[in-house]
Amino acid sequence: MDEARNIKGVVNRTFHANGVMDECTVNERNVLHTSVGALIPRYEYTDVRTKNLKSLSFYEDGSIHGVSLNEQTAIDTPLGEFPAELVTFYPDGALNSVFPLNGQMGFGWSEKEEGELAKSYDFALPFGDMSVKLNGMRFYPDGKLKSLMFWPGETIPLKTPVGDFSARIGIRLFDDGALESFEPSAPIMLDTPIGQVRAYDVDAIGVTADSNSVHFGHEGDLVQIKTSGDVIVQNETTGRTTVSSRTRIGLTDDTLVKLPLTLSFEEGQVTIDDGKETFTFPIEGNRFLTLSDLDLSGFRCSGECDGCPGCE
């Protein structure tokens, strides 16, 4: 359905290449009837925490992509009723993501103040129950939980196929509810097909739970890990190959950080991705040595010293 044609009070807009409205801001009250109930897009700007952003976004066929709500609204989700200030949908109208809070953090409103509004929610998951202060959640098109995004600084104890650890940022689930990936709150040493590797993303993006450092297969096997430093591959015929982390300025400050290498394990091979190039090696017939970056100046401290190599 072309919802973009029926919006009142449009004051700013952009368009897709096919002429359908992409995003818009409105200054009149609109009521949208969606799969999660009636939603009223942002049309008022009432206080310092109100984001000055687009009220609505649309797919190229005119169906609703995202709604920034005029006020926090209780919506129906596959997990029950949750408050929301920002909601996104799949093209067919199924719920994609829910964000309970969506305040503007800056000069007039701090992350600490926004965090005081954030609430903890309880989840009963196949691998354990958890209570976490939530930033957002995503769903698969069929309504099953896809990922939980934690509030910045929040950490939780987590049972995983390779042990019990503390997790930050968020977790991602398979559609059957099994744990697909998590982000450790501090560097952790894991056994992999090429030996022990320290897992951690020094520059992890804290607004998504889809790019975590530790990934599992459906059977709980370790299939991917992120680490910073060097991986040395020694072969009796071809000699030595070294793959090293690239560096850049951190996302949140001016600290120079080593970006993670992504190591993927599949069918007796390891593929190493440094962010620009990929290198694939058979595991049999090669020797591997992983040298983690032990200069932890680029690591974001989680406040949990137990198990952190920077505190040993």
Foldseek 3Di string as FASTA:
>chain_A
DQVQVVDPAWDDFDADPVRRTFFTAGQDWDWDQAPFGTFTFANDDDDQFDDPDTQFGADNVNHTAKGQGNDWDWTQALVGTDTARMWGADRVRATFKGFNDDTDDDDVHHLVNVQVVFAWDWDQFPQGIDIARFGMWGADSVRATFKTAGRPLIWTWGQALQGIAIFHGIWGADSVRHTFATAGLAWDWGQDLQGIATAHFLQDDNPDRPDHAWGADPVRHTFKGKAAAKKWKAAPPPGIDIDHFDWDQHPPGRDIDGGIWMWGDDDQKIWTDNPPDIDIDGSPRMHMDGDGDPPCPSHDNSVDLVRHSVND
